[in-house]
Amino acid sequence: MNDRQSIDLAAMLCSRLCHDLLSPVGALSNGLELLALETDEEMRANVMALLEQSARTSTSKLKFFRLAFGAAGGFGDRVDMAEPRSLIEALLTDKGNITVNWALDVANLGKPAVKVLLNFAQIAIDSLVRGGTLDVGAEIREGNCEIVVRASGPRIAFDETIGKALEGSLDTADLSSRTAAAHMIALLAEDCGGGLQYARHDDALVLGAFMPESEGLIG
């Protein structure tokens, strides 16, 4: 990837981040305006509750994107599994129609694997437009770190251009803020000597990754 493409990718990732933060930050702004005008104590209490919820959502998304997209300088080379798990659970707090199951047979993940896991989870959650089940797993098998995220539900919404980005077959000229994250983790996996794959069915989306153990995780 040349410098121009790197800049474009960074810009698209920023666009995705801004898009996802617009709603909770906008709710904060609107809530503060209402709070300044409202005199009824019960209504003020309701507004405060909404402000607290929006603040929590904004904080959770920022923490998620910091590790999923950024350098995550506050972490070492490896990240305890509790961190990505808590970040994914935070994304699901306002999605009561999605149940998550964990199969994490490891103690920690290298940063590249963490980014893959988090972005897989984001893609899978976005695909469950009518709710369903999210299964998240990671293990070491035959010298490789293997990550699998499965979304299953009554309707799976998945843009095939995201699949092409995961496979590395999407033309960089066709990259957008919607596909930038998938393209980024495909590059990460390739740099580590691994790869990504996906399979879509009518009622399920399966995302898989493998990386050399030294780049992926240690049990």
Protein backbone atom coordinates (compact mmCIF):
# COMPACT_ATOMS: atom_id res chain seq x y z
CA MET A 1 0.00 0.00 0.00
CA ASN A 2 1.43 3.37 -1.02
CA ASP A 3 1.31 6.59 1.02
CA ARG A 4 -1.75 7.88 -0.83
CA GLN A 5 -3.67 4.67 -0.17
CA SER A 6 -2.60 4.70 3.48
CA ILE A 7 -3.92 8.24 3.89
CA ASP A 8 -7.18 7.31 2.17
CA LEU A 9 -7.61 4.27 4.42
CA ALA A 10 -6.99 6.34 7.55
CA ALA A 11 -9.52 8.93 6.35
CA MET A 12 -12.14 6.24 5.74
CA LEU A 13 -11.59 4.72 9.18
CA CYS A 14 -12.02 8.18 10.71
CA SER A 15 -15.23 8.60 8.73
CA ARG A 16 -16.53 5.30 10.12
CA LEU A 17 -15.65 6.33 13.66
CA CYS A 18 -17.36 9.71 13.26
CA HIS A 19 -20.46 8.07 11.76
CA ASP A 20 -20.81 5.67 14.69
CA LEU A 21 -20.23 8.39 17.29
CA LEU A 22 -22.62 10.92 15.72
CA SER A 23 -25.74 9.43 17.28
CA PRO A 24 -24.64 9.20 20.96
CA VAL A 25 -22.76 12.52 20.85
CA GLY A 26 -25.75 14.19 19.17
CA ALA A 27 -27.98 12.79 21.90
CA LEU A 28 -25.68 14.36 24.49
CA SER A 29 -25.95 17.73 22.79
CA ASN A 30 -29.73 17.54 22.51
CA GLY A 31 -30.06 16.38 26.10
CA LEU A 32 -28.02 19.29 27.40
CA GLU A 33 -30.23 21.71 25.49
CA LEU A 34 -33.35 20.13 26.95
CA LEU A 35 -31.85 20.18 30.44
CA ALA A 36 -31.20 23.91 30.16
CA LEU A 37 -34.86 24.57 29.29
CA GLU A 38 -36.68 21.98 31.39
CA THR A 39 -37.96 22.95 34.86
CA ASP A 40 -40.03 19.87 35.74
CA GLU A 41 -37.96 17.74 38.13
CA GLU A 42 -39.25 14.42 36.82
CA MET A 43 -38.47 15.39 33.23
CA ARG A 44 -35.03 16.62 34.26
CA ALA A 45 -34.37 13.24 35.89
CA ASN A 46 -35.38 11.47 32.66
CA VAL A 47 -33.10 13.73 30.63
CA MET A 48 -30.22 13.05 33.03
CA ALA A 49 -30.74 9.30 32.62
CA LEU A 50 -30.58 9.69 28.83
CA LEU A 51 -27.43 11.81 29.14
CA GLU A 52 -25.76 9.15 31.27
CA GLN A 53 -26.70 6.45 28.76
CA SER A 54 -25.37 8.50 25.83
CA ALA A 55 -22.14 9.22 27.72
CA ARG A 56 -21.63 5.50 28.43
CA THR A 57 -22.32 4.62 24.80
CA SER A 58 -19.87 7.26 23.54
CA THR A 59 -17.17 6.09 25.95
CA SER A 60 -17.67 2.43 25.01
CA LYS A 61 -17.44 3.18 21.29
CA LEU A 62 -14.31 5.30 21.75
CA LYS A 63 -12.62 2.51 23.73
CA PHE A 64 -13.67 -0.02 21.10
CA PHE A 65 -12.37 2.00 18.16
CA ARG A 66 -9.16 2.88 19.99
CA LEU A 67 -8.24 -0.80 20.09
CA ALA A 68 -9.98 -1.92 16.89
CA PHE A 69 -8.58 0.83 14.65
CA GLY A 70 -5.84 2.67 16.54
CA ALA A 71 -2.36 1.97 17.88
CA ALA A 72 -3.74 1.34 21.41
CA GLY A 73 -0.59 2.66 23.04
CA GLY A 74 -1.94 1.99 26.52
CA PHE A 75 -1.58 -1.77 25.97
CA GLY A 76 1.47 -3.98 25.68
CA ASP A 77 2.20 -6.31 22.79
CA ARG A 78 -0.45 -8.66 24.13
CA VAL A 79 -3.91 -7.88 25.45
CA ASP A 80 -5.72 -9.81 28.15
CA MET A 81 -8.86 -11.47 26.79
CA ALA A 82 -10.99 -9.63 29.34
CA GLU A 83 -10.46 -6.38 27.42
CA PRO A 84 -11.84 -7.31 23.97
CA ARG A 85 -14.59 -9.31 25.63
CA SER A 86 -15.73 -6.32 27.69
CA LEU A 87 -15.58 -4.04 24.63
CA ILE A 88 -17.77 -6.40 22.59
CA GLU A 89 -20.22 -6.78 25.48
CA ALA A 90 -20.42 -2.99 25.73
CA LEU A 91 -21.47 -2.80 22.07
CA LEU A 92 -24.34 -5.15 22.88
CA THR A 93 -25.72 -3.31 25.92
CA ASP A 94 -28.44 -1.59 23.87
CA LYS A 95 -29.12 -4.67 21.72
CA GLY A 96 -31.25 -6.85 23.93
CA ASN A 97 -32.22 -9.02 20.98
CA ILE A 98 -28.66 -10.37 20.52
CA THR A 99 -27.28 -13.16 22.71
CA VAL A 100 -23.52 -13.69 22.87
CA ASN A 101 -21.71 -16.99 23.51
CA TRP A 102 -17.98 -17.15 24.27
CA ALA A 103 -15.48 -19.90 23.45
CA LEU A 104 -12.18 -18.20 24.24
CA ASP A 105 -9.65 -20.91 25.02
CA VAL A 106 -6.79 -18.44 25.49
CA ALA A 107 -5.52 -16.01 28.11
CA ASN A 108 -4.40 -13.19 25.83
CA LEU A 109 -4.16 -12.02 22.23
CA GLY A 110 -1.55 -10.13 20.28
CA LYS A 111 -2.72 -6.74 19.06
CA PRO A 112 -3.19 -7.82 15.42
CA ALA A 113 -5.44 -10.68 16.52
CA VAL A 114 -7.36 -8.35 18.85
CA LYS A 115 -8.06 -6.00 15.96
CA VAL A 116 -9.30 -8.88 13.84
CA LEU A 117 -11.51 -10.19 16.65
CA LEU A 118 -13.05 -6.79 17.40
CA ASN A 119 -13.68 -5.94 13.76
CA PHE A 120 -15.17 -9.37 13.13
CA ALA A 121 -17.51 -8.78 16.07
CA GLN A 122 -18.52 -5.35 14.73
CA ILE A 123 -19.28 -6.80 11.28
CA ALA A 124 -21.25 -9.67 12.80
CA ILE A 125 -23.28 -7.41 15.10
CA ASP A 126 -24.11 -5.10 12.20
CA SER A 127 -25.39 -8.11 10.24
CA LEU A 128 -27.94 -9.06 12.94
CA VAL A 129 -30.52 -6.44 12.00
CA ARG A 130 -33.34 -8.50 13.54
CA GLY A 131 -31.35 -9.91 16.42
CA GLY A 132 -29.99 -13.38 16.90
CA THR A 133 -26.91 -15.03 18.36
CA LEU A 134 -23.27 -13.98 18.30
CA ASP A 135 -20.68 -16.73 18.87
CA VAL A 136 -17.09 -15.63 19.47
CA GLY A 137 -14.23 -18.12 19.65
CA ALA A 138 -10.42 -18.21 19.63
CA GLU A 139 -7.94 -21.05 20.07
CA ILE A 140 -4.53 -22.35 19.02
CA ARG A 141 -4.55 -25.25 16.56
CA GLU A 142 -1.63 -26.73 14.65
CA GLY A 143 0.60 -23.78 15.41
CA ASN A 144 -1.90 -21.15 14.33
CA CYS A 145 -4.13 -18.73 16.17
CA GLU A 146 -7.68 -19.35 14.92
CA ILE A 147 -10.49 -16.85 15.42
CA VAL A 148 -14.10 -17.56 14.50
CA VAL A 149 -17.07 -15.22 14.88
CA ARG A 150 -20.51 -16.44 13.86
CA ALA A 151 -23.69 -14.38 13.59
CA SER A 152 -26.91 -16.36 13.28
CA GLY A 153 -30.43 -15.02 13.10
CA PRO A 154 -33.63 -14.71 11.07
CA ARG A 155 -32.11 -12.21 8.66
CA ILE A 156 -28.47 -11.58 7.86
CA ALA A 157 -27.57 -8.20 6.35
CA PHE A 158 -24.13 -8.39 4.80
CA ASP A 159 -22.63 -6.28 2.04
CA GLU A 160 -20.65 -8.54 -0.28
CA THR A 161 -18.11 -5.74 -0.82
CA ILE A 162 -17.12 -6.24 2.82
CA GLY A 163 -16.53 -9.90 2.00
CA LYS A 164 -14.33 -8.94 -0.92
CA ALA A 165 -12.37 -6.59 1.34
CA LEU A 166 -11.87 -9.42 3.85
CA GLU A 167 -10.58 -11.67 1.10
CA GLY A 168 -8.31 -8.93 -0.26
CA SER A 169 -10.02 -8.98 -3.65
CA LEU A 170 -11.69 -5.55 -3.44
CA ASP A 171 -10.11 -2.91 -5.68
CA THR A 172 -8.67 -0.17 -3.48
CA ALA A 173 -10.41 2.36 -5.72
CA ASP A 174 -13.70 0.93 -4.44
CA LEU A 175 -12.85 1.28 -0.76
CA SER A 176 -15.30 3.24 1.38
CA SER A 177 -15.86 3.95 5.06
CA ARG A 178 -18.10 0.84 5.07
CA THR A 179 -15.34 -1.49 3.84
CA ALA A 180 -12.24 0.21 5.26
CA ALA A 181 -12.16 -1.78 8.51
CA ALA A 182 -12.40 -5.10 6.65
CA HIS A 183 -9.63 -4.00 4.31
CA MET A 184 -7.46 -2.97 7.27
CA ILE A 185 -7.69 -6.32 9.05
CA ALA A 186 -7.08 -8.16 5.77
CA LEU A 187 -3.79 -6.25 5.48
CA LEU A 188 -2.97 -7.02 9.13
CA ALA A 189 -3.57 -10.73 8.64
CA GLU A 190 -1.47 -10.76 5.47
CA ASP A 191 1.39 -8.94 7.19
CA CYS A 192 1.33 -11.57 9.95
CA GLY A 193 1.46 -14.42 7.44
CA GLY A 194 -2.17 -15.35 7.99
CA GLY A 195 -5.48 -14.84 6.25
CA LEU A 196 -9.20 -14.19 6.56
CA GLN A 197 -12.24 -15.92 5.14
CA TYR A 198 -16.00 -15.75 5.40
CA ALA A 199 -19.12 -17.72 4.54
CA ARG A 200 -22.60 -16.30 4.29
CA HIS A 201 -25.82 -18.29 4.48
CA ASP A 202 -29.46 -17.23 4.68
CA ASP A 203 -29.45 -17.43 8.47
CA ALA A 204 -25.76 -17.13 9.36
CA LEU A 205 -22.53 -15.28 8.70
CA VAL A 206 -19.26 -16.97 9.65
CA LEU A 207 -16.01 -14.99 9.81
CA GLY A 208 -12.72 -16.79 10.27
CA ALA A 209 -9.05 -15.88 10.63
CA PHE A 210 -5.78 -17.71 11.15
CA MET A 211 -2.42 -16.23 12.15
CA PRO A 212 0.89 -17.75 13.17
CA GLU A 213 0.87 -18.37 16.91
CA SER A 214 3.72 -15.88 17.51
CA GLU A 215 1.55 -13.13 16.03
CA GLY A 216 -1.76 -14.32 17.36
CA LEU A 217 -2.20 -15.53 20.90
CA ILE A 218 -0.80 -17.60 23.71
CA GLY A 219 -2.97 -19.78 25.89
